[in-house]
Amino acid sequence: MRRFLLLCTLLTSLMTTAQTDTLRNELQSDNLDSTQLAIVYHLAAQLPVNGEVAIAFLHDGQTDYLGARHEAGRIVTVDNHDKAFAIGSISKVFTATLLADAVERGEIELDDTVNAAYDFPFHDSITFTYGQLASHTTGLPRLPNNMPGVIMSPDNPYGAYGPEQLQAYLRDEMGVQQDGSSVYSNLGFGILAYTLTYKIAETTYGGALRERIFDPLGMTQSSNGPDSSRVELVPGYSADGTPAPYWHFTDAMAGAGAIVSTPQDMARFLTAQMDTSNRVLTLTREPVVELEGPQAVGLAWQILSPEPGRTVYWHNGAVAGYRAFTGVDVEQQRGVVVLTNALLMGPEVDRAGMQLLR
């Protein structure tokens, strides 16, 4: 769970100034102040040439957008508030929202065992609940051991791992650490989404997202994977500036990281989070696991309490060509979305998101 502990450091980290001395800062905004512009500029300066940052900043009942692109020798303003980026593991928050919706509809309970949805016993008689899957406390590994794509097909590691492989893993190969141990698991959210959609609702992951989240919230530009009929996808790049292959997900693992969205749609999702009468979204933010320091885990959401009386719900995401962050302070009615089209492996994107949210 070291990823959760990182945030205490991020809150006090200084912005990196490397690379910025030789870049012209041509960012402009009528709504963001000089400090916010500086945060976006320093983030964009860490991206390779052609890298873009897309920001949505929610405050005082309004949403401000800012796009920045790293061009040769300069950082310029672009309008990308309605352009699509892969959001990676932020998809887990949407998968957890499907779970909370099913609970509120009375279809399942958080403490129900997932095993009951399958017509075969799980390997070694292992059992776990929906709530454990959504809070990373099943003890499942990060990825299944019958997923060779990570090594054999690094350009598209999830593309060949389908429902048959997932069910074979559950039936014949699954293993867990000590029950209840806290291990961040893409596998767990793949199982959660597959079970909720194929086994419970008898639909696809994309179909469930559209019916229960996207359409009700007006997220018309979001989809399970890129959908050119809805919105243009900003091409992704590796940290060295080379074009990145797009990672496609089957419904076996889609719940872990398949969603594509825009700053505009993500702002709609965060706006909905601020409505405390929304029982489904409120359920996802309730703490399930307490961690070291002022941190906890809800249903997918990572929860940080940086100071008394203040709570931030956040998640980040990374897939080939993209890095993303989203966070919301419901009490202060503030939210931030940071989407990029370059896979930075350091804390730059999370740090910028937390600084903007402060």
Protein backbone atom coordinates (compact mmCIF):
# COMPACT_ATOMS: atom_id res chain seq x y z
CA MET A 1 0.00 0.00 0.00
CA ARG A 2 2.96 2.34 -0.46
CA ARG A 3 1.00 4.23 -3.12
CA PHE A 4 -1.29 5.56 -0.39
CA LEU A 5 1.60 6.72 1.80
CA LEU A 6 2.97 8.72 -1.12
CA LEU A 7 0.34 11.42 -0.70
CA CYS A 8 1.72 12.76 2.58
CA THR A 9 4.92 13.50 0.69
CA LEU A 10 3.05 14.94 -2.27
CA LEU A 11 1.26 17.49 -0.14
CA THR A 12 4.53 19.14 0.88
CA SER A 13 6.66 18.51 -2.22
CA LEU A 14 8.11 21.41 -4.16
CA MET A 15 7.38 21.65 -7.86
CA THR A 16 10.14 20.38 -10.08
CA THR A 17 11.85 23.11 -12.06
CA ALA A 18 13.99 20.95 -14.32
CA GLN A 19 13.42 21.51 -18.03
CA THR A 20 11.43 24.71 -17.45
CA ASP A 21 14.24 27.24 -17.79
CA THR A 22 14.43 26.89 -21.55
CA LEU A 23 10.68 26.83 -22.22
CA ARG A 24 8.58 29.89 -22.98
CA ASN A 25 5.49 30.01 -20.79
CA GLU A 26 2.61 31.03 -23.05
CA LEU A 27 -0.21 29.72 -20.87
CA GLN A 28 -3.21 32.01 -20.54
CA SER A 29 -6.43 31.78 -18.57
CA ASP A 30 -9.13 34.25 -17.59
CA ASN A 31 -10.19 32.09 -14.64
CA LEU A 32 -7.15 30.45 -13.03
CA ASP A 33 -4.76 32.54 -10.96
CA SER A 34 -0.99 32.80 -11.35
CA THR A 35 -0.28 30.06 -8.80
CA GLN A 36 -2.60 27.62 -10.55
CA LEU A 37 -1.14 28.52 -13.94
CA ALA A 38 2.34 27.87 -12.56
CA ILE A 39 1.32 24.41 -11.34
CA VAL A 40 -0.04 23.50 -14.78
CA TYR A 41 3.01 24.95 -16.52
CA HIS A 42 5.47 22.99 -14.39
CA LEU A 43 3.52 19.78 -15.03
CA ALA A 44 3.35 20.37 -18.79
CA ALA A 45 7.09 21.04 -18.81
CA GLN A 46 7.71 17.50 -17.55
CA LEU A 47 5.87 16.02 -20.54
CA PRO A 48 7.57 15.17 -23.83
CA VAL A 49 6.99 17.31 -26.88
CA ASN A 50 3.34 16.84 -28.02
CA GLY A 51 2.37 16.02 -24.45
CA GLU A 52 -0.85 17.62 -23.21
CA VAL A 53 -2.34 18.41 -19.82
CA ALA A 54 -6.09 18.84 -19.40
CA ILE A 55 -7.36 20.38 -16.17
CA ALA A 56 -10.85 20.72 -14.72
CA PHE A 57 -11.04 22.73 -11.51
CA LEU A 58 -14.35 22.74 -9.62
CA HIS A 59 -14.96 25.46 -7.03
CA ASP A 60 -17.71 27.77 -5.81
CA GLY A 61 -20.31 26.05 -7.96
CA GLN A 62 -18.43 26.47 -11.22
CA THR A 63 -15.90 24.56 -13.31
CA ASP A 64 -12.85 26.11 -14.94
CA TYR A 65 -10.87 24.30 -17.63
CA LEU A 66 -7.32 24.71 -18.84
CA GLY A 67 -5.40 22.80 -21.49
CA ALA A 68 -1.64 22.98 -21.96
CA ARG A 69 0.57 21.47 -24.65
CA HIS A 70 4.34 21.06 -24.69
CA GLU A 71 5.45 22.25 -28.10
CA ALA A 72 9.05 22.69 -29.20
CA GLY A 73 10.50 25.35 -26.91
CA ARG A 74 7.24 26.48 -25.34
CA ILE A 75 4.14 25.58 -23.31
CA VAL A 76 0.96 26.81 -25.01
CA THR A 77 -2.73 26.94 -24.16
CA VAL A 78 -5.03 24.48 -25.95
CA ASP A 79 -8.72 23.75 -25.67
CA ASN A 80 -8.98 20.05 -24.76
CA HIS A 81 -11.80 20.09 -22.21
CA ASP A 82 -13.91 17.90 -24.51
CA LYS A 83 -11.11 15.63 -25.76
CA ALA A 84 -10.75 12.05 -24.49
CA PHE A 85 -7.92 10.58 -22.43
CA ALA A 86 -7.57 7.11 -20.96
CA ILE A 87 -8.05 7.40 -17.18
CA GLY A 88 -6.53 4.02 -16.23
CA SER A 89 -7.19 2.95 -12.66
CA ILE A 90 -9.61 5.79 -11.99
CA SER A 91 -11.92 3.30 -13.72
CA LYS A 92 -11.94 1.45 -10.40
CA VAL A 93 -13.98 4.27 -8.86
CA PHE A 94 -16.62 3.74 -11.54
CA THR A 95 -16.56 -0.02 -10.98
CA ALA A 96 -17.08 0.59 -7.26
CA THR A 97 -19.95 2.91 -8.17
CA LEU A 98 -21.60 0.04 -10.07
CA LEU A 99 -21.24 -2.03 -6.90
CA ALA A 100 -22.76 0.68 -4.71
CA ASP A 101 -25.62 1.05 -7.21
CA ALA A 102 -26.31 -2.69 -7.07
CA VAL A 103 -26.34 -2.51 -3.26
CA GLU A 104 -28.76 0.43 -3.23
CA ARG A 105 -31.02 -1.43 -5.66
CA GLY A 106 -31.09 -4.40 -3.29
CA GLU A 107 -29.48 -6.74 -5.82
CA ILE A 108 -26.57 -7.70 -3.53
CA GLU A 109 -24.96 -6.75 -0.22
CA LEU A 110 -21.36 -5.73 0.35
CA ASP A 111 -20.89 -8.74 2.63
CA ASP A 112 -22.28 -11.23 0.10
CA THR A 113 -19.72 -13.73 -1.15
CA VAL A 114 -18.79 -13.40 -4.81
CA ASN A 115 -18.64 -17.21 -5.07
CA ALA A 116 -22.43 -17.46 -5.10
CA ALA A 117 -22.54 -15.88 -8.58
CA TYR A 118 -20.55 -18.76 -10.12
CA ASP A 119 -21.56 -22.34 -10.89
CA PHE A 120 -18.19 -23.79 -9.87
CA PRO A 121 -16.17 -23.71 -6.62
CA PHE A 122 -13.20 -21.38 -6.41
CA HIS A 123 -9.72 -22.87 -6.17
CA ASP A 124 -8.74 -24.02 -2.66
CA SER A 125 -12.26 -23.13 -1.47
CA ILE A 126 -11.25 -19.47 -1.32
CA THR A 127 -14.08 -17.07 -0.57
CA PHE A 128 -14.30 -13.29 -0.56
CA THR A 129 -16.98 -10.62 -0.59
CA TYR A 130 -17.87 -7.76 -2.92
CA GLY A 131 -16.80 -5.30 -0.25
CA GLN A 132 -13.40 -6.94 0.04
CA LEU A 133 -12.86 -6.75 -3.72
CA ALA A 134 -13.76 -3.06 -3.78
CA SER A 135 -11.42 -2.20 -0.88
CA HIS A 136 -8.40 -4.29 -1.97
CA THR A 137 -8.65 -6.57 1.07
CA THR A 138 -9.11 -10.00 -0.52
CA GLY A 139 -5.40 -10.77 -0.47
CA LEU A 140 -5.52 -11.34 -4.25
CA PRO A 141 -2.35 -10.47 -6.17
CA ARG A 142 -2.09 -7.44 -8.42
CA LEU A 143 -2.48 -9.60 -11.54
CA PRO A 144 -3.47 -13.23 -12.17
CA ASN A 145 -0.67 -15.73 -12.71
CA ASN A 146 -2.27 -17.00 -15.92
CA MET A 147 -1.95 -13.63 -17.64
CA PRO A 148 1.13 -13.99 -19.87
CA GLY A 149 0.35 -10.79 -21.77
CA VAL A 150 2.31 -8.65 -19.32
CA ILE A 151 5.52 -10.34 -20.48
CA MET A 152 4.60 -11.72 -23.90
CA SER A 153 2.65 -8.67 -25.13
CA PRO A 154 3.76 -5.56 -23.22
CA ASP A 155 2.28 -3.34 -25.94
CA ASN A 156 -1.22 -4.66 -25.13
CA PRO A 157 -0.94 -6.80 -21.99
CA TYR A 158 -4.66 -7.04 -21.18
CA GLY A 159 -5.90 -7.53 -24.73
CA ALA A 160 -5.73 -11.33 -24.85
CA TYR A 161 -6.97 -11.98 -21.30
CA GLY A 162 -10.66 -12.79 -21.59
CA PRO A 163 -13.49 -14.21 -19.48
CA GLU A 164 -12.42 -17.80 -20.17
CA GLN A 165 -8.97 -17.15 -18.73
CA LEU A 166 -10.44 -15.32 -15.75
CA GLN A 167 -12.84 -18.13 -14.91
CA ALA A 168 -10.08 -20.71 -15.34
CA TYR A 169 -8.02 -18.71 -12.85
CA LEU A 170 -10.85 -18.62 -10.32
CA ARG A 171 -11.50 -22.34 -10.71
CA ASP A 172 -8.01 -23.80 -11.02
CA GLU A 173 -5.20 -21.41 -10.07
CA MET A 174 -6.30 -18.69 -7.67
CA GLY A 175 -4.24 -17.97 -4.57
CA VAL A 176 -4.41 -15.25 -1.93
CA GLN A 177 -2.28 -13.87 0.82
CA GLN A 178 -3.58 -14.00 4.37
CA ASP A 179 -7.31 -13.29 4.33
CA GLY A 180 -8.05 -9.61 4.73
CA SER A 181 -4.55 -8.46 3.86
CA SER A 182 -4.43 -5.18 1.97
CA VAL A 183 -2.95 -5.62 -1.51
CA TYR A 184 -3.71 -3.26 -4.39
CA SER A 185 -5.21 -5.55 -7.01
CA ASN A 186 -6.14 -4.91 -10.64
CA LEU A 187 -7.27 -8.52 -10.67
CA GLY A 188 -9.73 -7.86 -7.85
CA PHE A 189 -11.45 -5.09 -9.76
CA GLY A 190 -11.49 -7.20 -12.91
CA ILE A 191 -13.34 -9.91 -10.98
CA LEU A 192 -15.65 -7.34 -9.39
CA ALA A 193 -16.70 -5.75 -12.68
CA TYR A 194 -17.05 -9.06 -14.50
CA THR A 195 -19.21 -10.51 -11.72
CA LEU A 196 -21.43 -7.44 -11.37
CA THR A 197 -22.05 -7.15 -15.10
CA TYR A 198 -21.97 -10.61 -16.68
CA LYS A 199 -23.11 -12.65 -13.68
CA ILE A 200 -25.48 -10.32 -11.81
CA ALA A 201 -26.84 -7.79 -14.32
CA GLU A 202 -26.33 -10.03 -17.38
CA THR A 203 -24.85 -7.21 -19.44
CA THR A 204 -21.42 -5.94 -20.47
CA TYR A 205 -19.19 -3.60 -18.49
CA GLY A 206 -19.70 -0.87 -21.06
CA GLY A 207 -23.45 -1.43 -21.05
CA ALA A 208 -23.65 -1.21 -17.27
CA LEU A 209 -21.57 1.97 -17.20
CA ARG A 210 -23.77 3.59 -19.83
CA GLU A 211 -27.06 2.62 -18.17
CA ARG A 212 -26.22 3.23 -14.52
CA ILE A 213 -23.58 5.98 -14.48
CA PHE A 214 -22.77 7.70 -17.77
CA ASP A 215 -26.28 8.43 -19.06
CA PRO A 216 -27.77 9.43 -15.68
CA LEU A 217 -24.91 11.88 -15.09
CA GLY A 218 -24.82 13.21 -18.66
CA MET A 219 -21.35 11.75 -19.31
CA THR A 220 -21.97 11.40 -23.04
CA GLN A 221 -18.28 11.53 -23.98
CA SER A 222 -17.15 8.65 -21.74
CA SER A 223 -16.90 5.02 -22.77
CA ASN A 224 -15.41 1.62 -22.05
CA GLY A 225 -12.35 2.06 -24.27
CA PRO A 226 -12.07 4.67 -27.06
CA ASP A 227 -15.20 5.43 -29.06
CA SER A 228 -14.50 7.71 -32.03
CA SER A 229 -18.23 8.14 -32.64
CA ARG A 230 -18.48 10.03 -29.35
CA VAL A 231 -15.26 12.00 -28.98
CA GLU A 232 -11.72 12.40 -30.30
CA LEU A 233 -9.03 10.51 -28.36
CA VAL A 234 -5.85 12.49 -27.70
CA PRO A 235 -2.95 10.22 -28.84
CA GLY A 236 -0.81 8.86 -26.03
CA TYR A 237 2.98 9.07 -25.69
CA SER A 238 5.62 7.33 -23.66
CA ALA A 239 7.77 9.42 -21.31
CA ASP A 240 10.50 9.58 -23.97
CA GLY A 241 8.10 11.11 -26.51
CA THR A 242 7.56 8.04 -28.69
CA PRO A 243 3.96 7.17 -29.61
CA ALA A 244 2.53 4.67 -27.13
CA PRO A 245 0.49 1.61 -28.16
CA TYR A 246 -3.04 1.74 -26.82
CA TRP A 247 -3.95 -0.85 -24.18
CA HIS A 248 -7.24 -2.57 -24.91
CA PHE A 249 -9.14 -4.47 -22.21
CA THR A 250 -11.58 -7.33 -22.49
CA ASP A 251 -14.43 -7.45 -19.98
CA ALA A 252 -12.37 -9.83 -17.84
CA MET A 253 -10.19 -6.93 -16.63
CA ALA A 254 -11.99 -3.83 -17.90
CA GLY A 255 -13.12 -2.84 -14.41
CA ALA A 256 -9.50 -2.22 -13.45
CA GLY A 257 -8.62 0.40 -16.04
CA ALA A 258 -10.49 0.52 -19.36
CA ILE A 259 -12.45 3.78 -19.23
CA VAL A 260 -11.84 6.74 -21.54
CA SER A 261 -13.22 10.12 -20.50
CA THR A 262 -12.88 13.88 -20.94
CA PRO A 263 -12.25 16.69 -18.44
CA GLN A 264 -15.82 17.84 -19.03
CA ASP A 265 -17.33 14.44 -18.23
CA MET A 266 -15.06 13.87 -15.25
CA ALA A 267 -16.15 17.26 -13.92
CA ARG A 268 -19.75 16.05 -14.14
CA PHE A 269 -18.79 12.98 -12.10
CA LEU A 270 -17.11 15.10 -9.42
CA THR A 271 -20.07 17.49 -9.34
CA ALA A 272 -22.29 14.51 -8.59
CA GLN A 273 -19.95 13.52 -5.74
CA MET A 274 -20.66 16.86 -4.07
CA ASP A 275 -24.35 16.03 -3.79
CA THR A 276 -24.40 14.41 -0.34
CA SER A 277 -27.98 13.21 -0.89
CA ASN A 278 -26.73 10.79 -3.57
CA ARG A 279 -26.75 7.55 -1.59
CA VAL A 280 -24.84 5.54 -4.20
CA LEU A 281 -21.89 7.91 -4.42
CA THR A 282 -21.88 8.52 -0.67
CA LEU A 283 -21.56 4.77 -0.09
CA THR A 284 -18.42 4.62 -2.25
CA ARG A 285 -16.76 7.25 -0.04
CA GLU A 286 -17.41 5.58 3.30
CA PRO A 287 -14.14 4.34 4.87
CA VAL A 288 -13.72 0.57 4.84
CA VAL A 289 -10.05 0.14 5.77
CA GLU A 290 -7.93 2.41 7.97
CA LEU A 291 -4.27 2.77 6.94
CA GLU A 292 -1.22 4.26 8.61
CA GLY A 293 -1.42 7.99 9.14
CA PRO A 294 -4.47 10.05 8.15
CA GLN A 295 -5.43 7.67 5.36
CA ALA A 296 -8.14 5.13 4.60
CA VAL A 297 -9.73 3.24 1.71
CA GLY A 298 -13.38 3.37 0.75
CA LEU A 299 -14.95 1.52 -2.16
CA ALA A 300 -12.06 2.21 -4.57
CA TRP A 301 -11.60 5.80 -3.36
CA GLN A 302 -8.38 6.54 -1.50
CA ILE A 303 -9.17 8.79 1.46
CA LEU A 304 -6.76 11.35 2.86
CA SER A 305 -7.31 13.62 5.87
CA PRO A 306 -4.44 16.11 5.62
CA GLU A 307 -5.72 18.26 8.47
CA PRO A 308 -8.58 18.22 11.00
CA GLY A 309 -11.97 18.74 9.40
CA ARG A 310 -10.73 18.19 5.85
CA THR A 311 -11.06 15.01 3.79
CA VAL A 312 -9.91 14.41 0.23
CA TYR A 313 -11.16 11.49 -1.85
CA TRP A 314 -8.76 10.72 -4.68
CA HIS A 315 -7.56 8.17 -7.19
CA ASN A 316 -4.97 8.10 -9.92
CA GLY A 317 -4.51 6.07 -13.06
CA ALA A 318 -1.79 5.01 -15.48
CA VAL A 319 -1.90 3.00 -18.69
CA ALA A 320 0.39 3.16 -21.71
CA GLY A 321 0.42 6.72 -23.00
CA TYR A 322 -1.66 8.29 -20.22
CA ARG A 323 -1.49 9.37 -16.60
CA ALA A 324 -4.45 10.77 -14.68
CA PHE A 325 -5.55 12.06 -11.28
CA THR A 326 -8.87 13.04 -9.78
CA GLY A 327 -9.73 14.28 -6.33
CA VAL A 328 -12.66 15.86 -4.52
CA ASP A 329 -13.15 17.64 -1.21
CA VAL A 330 -16.89 17.25 -0.68
CA GLU A 331 -17.03 19.45 2.41
CA GLN A 332 -15.30 22.37 0.68
CA GLN A 333 -17.08 21.62 -2.62
CA ARG A 334 -13.83 21.57 -4.56
CA GLY A 335 -12.65 19.07 -7.13
CA VAL A 336 -9.79 18.59 -9.57
CA VAL A 337 -9.26 16.49 -12.67
CA VAL A 338 -5.79 16.20 -14.24
CA LEU A 339 -5.50 14.19 -17.46
CA THR A 340 -2.31 13.79 -19.50
CA ASN A 341 -1.40 11.95 -22.69
CA ALA A 342 2.03 10.84 -21.50
CA LEU A 343 2.94 8.04 -19.10
CA LEU A 344 5.01 9.73 -16.41
CA MET A 345 6.08 7.18 -13.80
CA GLY A 346 6.92 9.72 -11.08
CA PRO A 347 4.60 11.70 -8.78
CA GLU A 348 4.28 14.73 -11.07
CA VAL A 349 0.60 14.31 -11.98
CA ASP A 350 -0.57 13.38 -8.47
CA ARG A 351 1.42 16.25 -7.01
CA ALA A 352 -0.11 18.78 -9.41
CA GLY A 353 -3.59 17.47 -8.65
CA MET A 354 -3.11 17.75 -4.91
CA GLN A 355 -1.60 21.21 -5.19
CA LEU A 356 -4.53 22.43 -7.26
CA LEU A 357 -6.99 20.89 -4.81
CA ARG A 358 -5.38 22.73 -1.91
